[in-house]
Amino acid sequence: MSLVRSETARGVATLTLDSPPNRNALSTALIEELLAALAAADADDAVRAIVLTHTGPVFSSGADLKETAAAIGSGKPPITRLGDVLAAIWEGRKPVVARVAGPARAGGLGLIAAADIAVCSTDATFAFTEVRIGVVPAVISTTVLPRLSSRDAAELYLTGATFDGPRAERIGLVTAAVPAEQLDEAVAGYVAALVRGAPGALAGTKELLRSRRADTFGDEIRAMTALSVSYFGSPEGREGMLAFREKRDPNWVPDGAA
């Protein structure tokens, strides 16, 4: 039985966490399937964007604690592979949109923070529960801490307190929190915009967003000028400018895209 379902249509790969009996806990099996699905979507030239969603009422309850307790002696609990999933989302060439229609805890928040865009329902709840079971939110900090202010991170990491969708939006964990009945429409709106972007430009922009700044302002300007010139002169850049002048869609926009 598959724990991660994958479907591709109109330039969008939808990856669905499908393990509701354990609240989409991050087991080794689910993590391996998610890694494979992410790799396949990233390698598929027909895919412009990835949506990460879930079945059941819970987005993800975090690490599979039952499996972790049984495996801890072997040194290979599920957490040893979670970082690979976060890296696949964070560093992948395709923009990832997280669709969060229910609670997320601990490791599940790492997935949400890794996504380029995250949309949740206002009634979704979140918590960094690690300290309450005697561990620390170490691996997920690689994606979570760049999103949060130090004050918000300290409060929520140390207390393990539960917070709602609007708070998640205010602190930058998610891009937007919308009423549950508007969630799919909001996700579709972001996806419709993403698939109109050129594949190479989307990948380059993701890399730009993650890159370290140069040592000096002058070095930064020179590097960014060279990067801009290279993209204007690329096949995508030339096609994009030609399509703009001819008032048509560029050749990378999938058929049927809004």
C-alpha atoms as a PDB file:
ATOM      1  CA  MET A   1       0.000   0.000   0.000  1.00  0.00           C
ATOM      2  CA  SER A   2       1.435   3.353  -1.048  1.00  0.00           C
ATOM      3  CA  LEU A   3       1.918   5.988   1.652  1.00  0.00           C
ATOM      4  CA  VAL A   4       2.545   8.813  -0.838  1.00  0.00           C
ATOM      5  CA  ARG A   5       0.351   9.195  -3.917  1.00  0.00           C
ATOM      6  CA  SER A   6       1.584  11.131  -6.942  1.00  0.00           C
ATOM      7  CA  GLU A   7      -0.482  12.602  -9.781  1.00  0.00           C
ATOM      8  CA  THR A   8       0.617  14.968 -12.551  1.00  0.00           C
ATOM      9  CA  ALA A   9      -1.680  17.164 -14.620  1.00  0.00           C
ATOM     10  CA  ARG A  10      -1.268  20.481 -16.453  1.00  0.00           C
ATOM     11  CA  GLY A  11       2.286  20.965 -15.270  1.00  0.00           C
ATOM     12  CA  VAL A  12       1.552  20.252 -11.590  1.00  0.00           C
ATOM     13  CA  ALA A  13       2.693  17.205  -9.617  1.00  0.00           C
ATOM     14  CA  THR A  14       0.494  16.649  -6.579  1.00  0.00           C
ATOM     15  CA  LEU A  15       2.146  14.557  -3.871  1.00  0.00           C
ATOM     16  CA  THR A  16      -0.288  13.364  -1.225  1.00  0.00           C
ATOM     17  CA  LEU A  17       0.737  12.024   2.189  1.00  0.00           C
ATOM     18  CA  ASP A  18      -1.646   9.082   2.513  1.00  0.00           C
ATOM     19  CA  SER A  19      -1.159   7.436   5.888  1.00  0.00           C
ATOM     20  CA  PRO A  20      -4.149   8.669   7.901  1.00  0.00           C
ATOM     21  CA  PRO A  21      -4.200   5.752  10.410  1.00  0.00           C
ATOM     22  CA  ASN A  22      -1.044   7.160  12.035  1.00  0.00           C
ATOM     23  CA  ARG A  23      -1.823  10.792  11.174  1.00  0.00           C
ATOM     24  CA  ASN A  24       0.688  10.877   8.327  1.00  0.00           C
ATOM     25  CA  ALA A  25       3.549  10.300  10.735  1.00  0.00           C
ATOM     26  CA  LEU A  26       6.993  10.504   9.171  1.00  0.00           C
ATOM     27  CA  SER A  27       7.918   6.824   9.141  1.00  0.00           C
ATOM     28  CA  THR A  28      10.910   5.495   7.240  1.00  0.00           C
ATOM     29  CA  ALA A  29       8.571   4.024   4.615  1.00  0.00           C
ATOM     30  CA  LEU A  30       6.704   7.303   4.094  1.00  0.00           C
ATOM     31  CA  ILE A  31       9.937   9.297   3.963  1.00  0.00           C
ATOM     32  CA  GLU A  32      11.456   6.988   1.351  1.00  0.00           C
ATOM     33  CA  GLU A  33       8.316   7.166  -0.798  1.00  0.00           C
ATOM     34  CA  LEU A  34       8.213  10.951  -0.480  1.00  0.00           C
ATOM     35  CA  LEU A  35      11.871  11.228  -1.469  1.00  0.00           C
ATOM     36  CA  ALA A  36      11.235   9.086  -4.548  1.00  0.00           C
ATOM     37  CA  ALA A  37       8.151  11.124  -5.516  1.00  0.00           C
ATOM     38  CA  LEU A  38      10.004  14.416  -5.087  1.00  0.00           C
ATOM     39  CA  ALA A  39      12.929  13.173  -7.181  1.00  0.00           C
ATOM     40  CA  ALA A  40      10.603  11.981  -9.951  1.00  0.00           C
ATOM     41  CA  ALA A  41       8.715  15.282 -10.024  1.00  0.00           C
ATOM     42  CA  ASP A  42      11.934  17.292 -10.027  1.00  0.00           C
ATOM     43  CA  ALA A  43      13.287  15.264 -12.964  1.00  0.00           C
ATOM     44  CA  ASP A  44      10.077  15.476 -15.011  1.00  0.00           C
ATOM     45  CA  ASP A  45      10.348  18.262 -17.582  1.00  0.00           C
ATOM     46  CA  ALA A  46       6.546  18.410 -17.799  1.00  0.00           C
ATOM     47  CA  VAL A  47       6.294  19.425 -14.133  1.00  0.00           C
ATOM     48  CA  ARG A  48       6.410  23.142 -13.383  1.00  0.00           C
ATOM     49  CA  ALA A  49       5.330  23.063  -9.725  1.00  0.00           C
ATOM     50  CA  ILE A  50       4.747  20.564  -6.919  1.00  0.00           C
ATOM     51  CA  VAL A  51       1.870  20.576  -4.438  1.00  0.00           C
ATOM     52  CA  LEU A  52       2.430  18.720  -1.158  1.00  0.00           C
ATOM     53  CA  THR A  53      -0.879  17.815   0.468  1.00  0.00           C
ATOM     54  CA  HIS A  54      -2.452  15.094   2.613  1.00  0.00           C
ATOM     55  CA  THR A  55      -5.392  12.803   3.182  1.00  0.00           C
ATOM     56  CA  GLY A  56      -7.152  12.608   6.540  1.00  0.00           C
ATOM     57  CA  PRO A  57      -7.638  15.402   9.033  1.00  0.00           C
ATOM     58  CA  VAL A  58      -3.936  15.772   9.963  1.00  0.00           C
ATOM     59  CA  PHE A  59      -1.194  17.134   7.696  1.00  0.00           C
ATOM     60  CA  SER A  60       1.526  15.329   9.653  1.00  0.00           C
ATOM     61  CA  SER A  61       2.009  14.449  13.306  1.00  0.00           C
ATOM     62  CA  GLY A  62       5.785  14.498  12.936  1.00  0.00           C
ATOM     63  CA  ALA A  63       8.204  11.620  13.444  1.00  0.00           C
ATOM     64  CA  ASP A  64       6.753   8.133  13.799  1.00  0.00           C
ATOM     65  CA  LEU A  65       7.497   7.760  17.510  1.00  0.00           C
ATOM     66  CA  LYS A  66       6.594   4.067  17.668  1.00  0.00           C
ATOM     67  CA  GLU A  67       9.076   3.233  14.934  1.00  0.00           C
ATOM     68  CA  THR A  68      11.623   5.621  16.408  1.00  0.00           C
ATOM     69  CA  ALA A  69      11.489   3.960  19.840  1.00  0.00           C
ATOM     70  CA  ALA A  70      11.957   0.536  18.264  1.00  0.00           C
ATOM     71  CA  ALA A  71      14.801   1.642  15.990  1.00  0.00           C
ATOM     72  CA  ILE A  72      16.757   3.948  18.255  1.00  0.00           C
ATOM     73  CA  GLY A  73      19.184   1.221  19.275  1.00  0.00           C
ATOM     74  CA  SER A  74      20.128   0.603  15.657  1.00  0.00           C
ATOM     75  CA  GLY A  75      21.055   4.232  15.124  1.00  0.00           C
ATOM     76  CA  LYS A  76      18.703   4.498  12.147  1.00  0.00           C
ATOM     77  CA  PRO A  77      15.422   6.046  13.334  1.00  0.00           C
ATOM     78  CA  PRO A  78      13.298   7.857  10.711  1.00  0.00           C
ATOM     79  CA  ILE A  79      14.786  11.207  11.727  1.00  0.00           C
ATOM     80  CA  THR A  80      18.065  10.226  10.036  1.00  0.00           C
ATOM     81  CA  ARG A  81      16.372  10.596   6.638  1.00  0.00           C
ATOM     82  CA  LEU A  82      14.155  13.592   7.381  1.00  0.00           C
ATOM     83  CA  GLY A  83      16.949  15.983   6.487  1.00  0.00           C
ATOM     84  CA  ASP A  84      17.099  14.472   3.013  1.00  0.00           C
ATOM     85  CA  VAL A  85      13.408  15.255   2.493  1.00  0.00           C
ATOM     86  CA  LEU A  86      13.840  18.839   3.681  1.00  0.00           C
ATOM     87  CA  ALA A  87      16.816  19.265   1.352  1.00  0.00           C
ATOM     88  CA  ALA A  88      14.882  17.809  -1.586  1.00  0.00           C
ATOM     89  CA  ILE A  89      12.128  20.392  -1.100  1.00  0.00           C
ATOM     90  CA  TRP A  90      14.400  23.317  -0.205  1.00  0.00           C
ATOM     91  CA  GLU A  91      17.022  22.735  -2.898  1.00  0.00           C
ATOM     92  CA  GLY A  92      14.856  21.183  -5.623  1.00  0.00           C
ATOM     93  CA  ARG A  93      14.466  22.953  -8.976  1.00  0.00           C
ATOM     94  CA  LYS A  94      10.660  23.016  -8.877  1.00  0.00           C
ATOM     95  CA  PRO A  95       8.698  25.368  -6.579  1.00  0.00           C
ATOM     96  CA  VAL A  96       6.784  23.497  -3.890  1.00  0.00           C
ATOM     97  CA  VAL A  97       3.430  24.587  -2.457  1.00  0.00           C
ATOM     98  CA  ALA A  98       2.353  23.014   0.851  1.00  0.00           C
ATOM     99  CA  ARG A  99      -1.419  22.628   1.277  1.00  0.00           C
ATOM    100  CA  VAL A 100      -2.176  22.280   4.985  1.00  0.00           C
ATOM    101  CA  ALA A 101      -5.787  21.469   5.833  1.00  0.00           C
ATOM    102  CA  GLY A 102      -5.208  20.193   9.356  1.00  0.00           C
ATOM    103  CA  PRO A 103      -2.834  19.989  12.324  1.00  0.00           C
ATOM    104  CA  ALA A 104       0.927  19.744  11.914  1.00  0.00           C
ATOM    105  CA  ARG A 105       3.376  18.902  14.642  1.00  0.00           C
ATOM    106  CA  ALA A 106       7.145  18.767  15.048  1.00  0.00           C
ATOM    107  CA  GLY A 107       8.689  17.266  11.890  1.00  0.00           C
ATOM    108  CA  GLY A 108       5.596  18.148   9.893  1.00  0.00           C
ATOM    109  CA  LEU A 109       6.426  21.815  10.442  1.00  0.00           C
ATOM    110  CA  GLY A 110       9.813  21.205   8.866  1.00  0.00           C
ATOM    111  CA  LEU A 111       8.095  20.117   5.647  1.00  0.00           C
ATOM    112  CA  ILE A 112       5.872  23.207   5.673  1.00  0.00           C
ATOM    113  CA  ALA A 113       8.795  25.556   6.277  1.00  0.00           C
ATOM    114  CA  ALA A 114      10.823  23.900   3.514  1.00  0.00           C
ATOM    115  CA  ALA A 115       8.106  24.602   0.940  1.00  0.00           C
ATOM    116  CA  ASP A 116       8.491  27.763  -1.105  1.00  0.00           C
ATOM    117  CA  ILE A 117       4.833  28.660  -0.541  1.00  0.00           C
ATOM    118  CA  ALA A 118       2.591  27.268   2.206  1.00  0.00           C
ATOM    119  CA  VAL A 119      -1.140  27.767   2.562  1.00  0.00           C
ATOM    120  CA  CYS A 120      -3.115  26.563   5.564  1.00  0.00           C
ATOM    121  CA  SER A 121      -6.682  26.715   6.761  1.00  0.00           C
ATOM    122  CA  THR A 122      -7.255  29.174   9.571  1.00  0.00           C
ATOM    123  CA  ASP A 123      -8.354  26.356  11.867  1.00  0.00           C
ATOM    124  CA  ALA A 124      -5.174  24.304  11.303  1.00  0.00           C
ATOM    125  CA  THR A 125      -2.997  24.092  14.407  1.00  0.00           C
ATOM    126  CA  PHE A 126       0.747  23.844  14.829  1.00  0.00           C
ATOM    127  CA  ALA A 127       3.196  23.035  17.625  1.00  0.00           C
ATOM    128  CA  PHE A 128       6.878  22.338  18.096  1.00  0.00           C
ATOM    129  CA  THR A 129       6.265  19.539  20.584  1.00  0.00           C
ATOM    130  CA  GLU A 130       9.821  18.217  20.773  1.00  0.00           C
ATOM    131  CA  VAL A 131      10.725  19.543  24.225  1.00  0.00           C
ATOM    132  CA  ARG A 132       7.625  17.901  25.691  1.00  0.00           C
ATOM    133  CA  ILE A 133       8.975  14.458  24.803  1.00  0.00           C
ATOM    134  CA  GLY A 134      12.557  15.216  25.810  1.00  0.00           C
ATOM    135  CA  VAL A 135      14.133  16.015  22.441  1.00  0.00           C
ATOM    136  CA  VAL A 136      15.030  19.145  20.466  1.00  0.00           C
ATOM    137  CA  PRO A 137      13.760  20.423  17.071  1.00  0.00           C
ATOM    138  CA  ALA A 138      17.192  20.087  15.532  1.00  0.00           C
ATOM    139  CA  VAL A 139      16.781  18.821  11.953  1.00  0.00           C
ATOM    140  CA  ILE A 140      13.727  20.932  11.173  1.00  0.00           C
ATOM    141  CA  SER A 141      15.541  24.059  12.360  1.00  0.00           C
ATOM    142  CA  THR A 142      17.382  24.094   9.041  1.00  0.00           C
ATOM    143  CA  THR A 143      14.159  25.156   7.314  1.00  0.00           C
ATOM    144  CA  VAL A 144      12.116  26.603  10.186  1.00  0.00           C
ATOM    145  CA  LEU A 145      14.572  29.111  11.667  1.00  0.00           C
ATOM    146  CA  PRO A 146      15.087  31.054   8.394  1.00  0.00           C
ATOM    147  CA  ARG A 147      11.313  31.670   8.403  1.00  0.00           C
ATOM    148  CA  LEU A 148      10.838  32.868  12.003  1.00  0.00           C
ATOM    149  CA  SER A 149      12.072  35.779  14.080  1.00  0.00           C
ATOM    150  CA  SER A 150      14.309  34.792  16.986  1.00  0.00           C
ATOM    151  CA  ARG A 151      11.606  35.843  19.493  1.00  0.00           C
ATOM    152  CA  ASP A 152       8.916  33.719  17.876  1.00  0.00           C
ATOM    153  CA  ALA A 153      11.276  30.764  17.572  1.00  0.00           C
ATOM    154  CA  ALA A 154      12.328  30.976  21.213  1.00  0.00           C
ATOM    155  CA  GLU A 155       8.751  31.169  22.480  1.00  0.00           C
ATOM    156  CA  LEU A 156       7.349  28.383  20.348  1.00  0.00           C
ATOM    157  CA  TYR A 157      10.348  26.037  20.547  1.00  0.00           C
ATOM    158  CA  LEU A 158      10.724  26.331  24.322  1.00  0.00           C
ATOM    159  CA  THR A 159       7.068  26.202  25.336  1.00  0.00           C
ATOM    160  CA  GLY A 160       5.799  23.685  22.790  1.00  0.00           C
ATOM    161  CA  ALA A 161       2.610  25.760  22.745  1.00  0.00           C
ATOM    162  CA  THR A 162      -0.068  25.179  20.139  1.00  0.00           C
ATOM    163  CA  PHE A 163      -0.801  28.044  17.744  1.00  0.00           C
ATOM    164  CA  ASP A 164      -3.294  28.549  14.931  1.00  0.00           C
ATOM    165  CA  GLY A 165      -3.205  29.368  11.226  1.00  0.00           C
ATOM    166  CA  PRO A 166      -3.361  33.161  11.559  1.00  0.00           C
ATOM    167  CA  ARG A 167      -0.411  33.082  13.983  1.00  0.00           C
ATOM    168  CA  ALA A 168       1.482  30.812  11.591  1.00  0.00           C
ATOM    169  CA  GLU A 169       0.942  33.404   8.864  1.00  0.00           C
ATOM    170  CA  ARG A 170       2.010  36.328  11.058  1.00  0.00           C
ATOM    171  CA  ILE A 171       5.300  34.691  12.018  1.00  0.00           C
ATOM    172  CA  GLY A 172       6.126  33.557   8.474  1.00  0.00           C
ATOM    173  CA  LEU A 173       5.737  29.804   8.902  1.00  0.00           C
ATOM    174  CA  VAL A 174       3.067  29.866   6.185  1.00  0.00           C
ATOM    175  CA  THR A 175       2.447  32.249   3.319  1.00  0.00           C
ATOM    176  CA  ALA A 176      -1.295  32.558   3.879  1.00  0.00           C
ATOM    177  CA  ALA A 177      -4.021  31.275   6.208  1.00  0.00           C
ATOM    178  CA  VAL A 178      -7.494  31.164   4.683  1.00  0.00           C
ATOM    179  CA  PRO A 179     -10.891  29.752   5.705  1.00  0.00           C
ATOM    180  CA  ALA A 180     -11.068  26.010   5.071  1.00  0.00           C
ATOM    181  CA  GLU A 181     -13.605  26.403   2.279  1.00  0.00           C
ATOM    182  CA  GLN A 182     -11.177  28.712   0.429  1.00  0.00           C
ATOM    183  CA  LEU A 183      -8.065  26.578   0.817  1.00  0.00           C
ATOM    184  CA  ASP A 184      -8.173  24.775  -2.523  1.00  0.00           C
ATOM    185  CA  GLU A 185      -8.936  27.990  -4.379  1.00  0.00           C
ATOM    186  CA  ALA A 186      -5.992  29.723  -2.729  1.00  0.00           C
ATOM    187  CA  VAL A 187      -3.616  26.864  -3.565  1.00  0.00           C
ATOM    188  CA  ALA A 188      -4.893  26.795  -7.151  1.00  0.00           C
ATOM    189  CA  GLY A 189      -4.223  30.521  -7.461  1.00  0.00           C
ATOM    190  CA  TYR A 190      -0.584  30.143  -6.449  1.00  0.00           C
ATOM    191  CA  VAL A 191      -0.136  27.128  -8.718  1.00  0.00           C
ATOM    192  CA  ALA A 192      -1.685  28.936 -11.700  1.00  0.00           C
ATOM    193  CA  ALA A 193       0.867  31.710 -11.260  1.00  0.00           C
ATOM    194  CA  LEU A 194       3.800  29.324 -10.818  1.00  0.00           C
ATOM    195  CA  VAL A 195       3.186  27.283 -13.966  1.00  0.00           C
ATOM    196  CA  ARG A 196       3.474  30.446 -16.069  1.00  0.00           C
ATOM    197  CA  GLY A 197       7.082  30.858 -14.956  1.00  0.00           C
ATOM    198  CA  ALA A 198       9.874  29.547 -17.155  1.00  0.00           C
ATOM    199  CA  PRO A 199      11.355  26.315 -15.761  1.00  0.00           C
ATOM    200  CA  GLY A 200      14.939  27.525 -15.804  1.00  0.00           C
ATOM    201  CA  ALA A 201      13.986  30.892 -14.354  1.00  0.00           C
ATOM    202  CA  LEU A 202      11.992  29.244 -11.565  1.00  0.00           C
ATOM    203  CA  ALA A 203      14.951  27.034 -10.697  1.00  0.00           C
ATOM    204  CA  GLY A 204      17.327  29.995 -10.838  1.00  0.00           C
ATOM    205  CA  THR A 205      15.049  32.096  -8.657  1.00  0.00           C
ATOM    206  CA  LYS A 206      14.832  29.328  -6.044  1.00  0.00           C
ATOM    207  CA  GLU A 207      18.626  29.198  -6.012  1.00  0.00           C
ATOM    208  CA  LEU A 208      18.801  32.990  -5.718  1.00  0.00           C
ATOM    209  CA  LEU A 209      16.436  32.962  -2.744  1.00  0.00           C
ATOM    210  CA  ARG A 210      18.616  30.404  -0.937  1.00  0.00           C
ATOM    211  CA  SER A 211      22.009  31.879  -1.839  1.00  0.00           C
ATOM    212  CA  ARG A 212      24.366  33.630   0.545  1.00  0.00           C
ATOM    213  CA  ARG A 213      25.019  37.291  -0.057  1.00  0.00           C
ATOM    214  CA  ALA A 214      28.415  38.488  -1.268  1.00  0.00           C
ATOM    215  CA  ASP A 215      30.889  40.018   1.154  1.00  0.00           C
ATOM    216  CA  THR A 216      30.410  43.585  -0.113  1.00  0.00           C
ATOM    217  CA  PHE A 217      27.607  45.500  -1.795  1.00  0.00           C
ATOM    218  CA  GLY A 218      29.771  46.076  -4.845  1.00  0.00           C
ATOM    219  CA  ASP A 219      30.481  42.350  -5.190  1.00  0.00           C
ATOM    220  CA  GLU A 220      26.772  41.659  -4.836  1.00  0.00           C
ATOM    221  CA  ILE A 221      25.811  44.157  -7.547  1.00  0.00           C
ATOM    222  CA  ARG A 222      28.383  42.764  -9.966  1.00  0.00           C
ATOM    223  CA  ALA A 223      27.293  39.168  -9.350  1.00  0.00           C
ATOM    224  CA  MET A 224      23.608  39.991  -9.700  1.00  0.00           C
ATOM    225  CA  THR A 225      24.200  42.031 -12.854  1.00  0.00           C
ATOM    226  CA  ALA A 226      26.053  39.134 -14.466  1.00  0.00           C
ATOM    227  CA  LEU A 227      23.288  36.737 -13.431  1.00  0.00           C
ATOM    228  CA  SER A 228      20.587  39.014 -14.853  1.00  0.00           C
ATOM    229  CA  VAL A 229      22.418  39.427 -18.158  1.00  0.00           C
ATOM    230  CA  SER A 230      22.844  35.646 -18.480  1.00  0.00           C
ATOM    231  CA  TYR A 231      19.113  35.060 -18.095  1.00  0.00           C
ATOM    232  CA  PHE A 232      18.109  37.845 -20.502  1.00  0.00           C
ATOM    233  CA  GLY A 233      20.375  36.212 -23.085  1.00  0.00           C
ATOM    234  CA  SER A 234      19.146  32.667 -22.435  1.00  0.00           C
ATOM    235  CA  PRO A 235      16.730  30.823 -24.780  1.00  0.00           C
ATOM    236  CA  GLU A 236      13.998  31.230 -22.142  1.00  0.00           C
ATOM    237  CA  GLY A 237      14.689  34.931 -21.816  1.00  0.00           C
ATOM    238  CA  ARG A 238      14.562  35.475 -25.559  1.00  0.00           C
ATOM    239  CA  GLU A 239      11.361  33.431 -25.901  1.00  0.00           C
ATOM    240  CA  GLY A 240       9.756  35.286 -22.997  1.00  0.00           C
ATOM    241  CA  MET A 241      10.490  38.695 -24.472  1.00  0.00           C
ATOM    242  CA  LEU A 242       9.292  37.588 -27.918  1.00  0.00           C
ATOM    243  CA  ALA A 243       6.064  36.182 -26.480  1.00  0.00           C
ATOM    244  CA  PHE A 244       5.480  39.444 -24.620  1.00  0.00           C
ATOM    245  CA  ARG A 245       5.867  41.454 -27.818  1.00  0.00           C
ATOM    246  CA  GLU A 246       3.616  39.060 -29.741  1.00  0.00           C
ATOM    247  CA  LYS A 247       1.005  39.047 -26.949  1.00  0.00           C
ATOM    248  CA  ARG A 248       0.964  35.253 -26.569  1.00  0.00           C
ATOM    249  CA  ASP A 249       1.894  32.678 -23.967  1.00  0.00           C
ATOM    250  CA  PRO A 250       5.559  31.608 -23.915  1.00  0.00           C
ATOM    251  CA  ASN A 251       6.169  28.087 -25.166  1.00  0.00           C
ATOM    252  CA  TRP A 252       6.753  26.709 -21.661  1.00  0.00           C
ATOM    253  CA  VAL A 253       3.215  27.393 -20.369  1.00  0.00           C
ATOM    254  CA  PRO A 254       1.409  24.009 -20.115  1.00  0.00           C
ATOM    255  CA  ASP A 255      -1.647  23.416 -22.277  1.00  0.00           C
ATOM    256  CA  GLY A 256      -4.793  24.213 -20.346  1.00  0.00           C
ATOM    257  CA  ALA A 257      -3.041  26.478 -17.839  1.00  0.00           C
ATOM    258  CA  ALA A 258      -5.152  29.365 -16.589  1.00  0.00           C
END
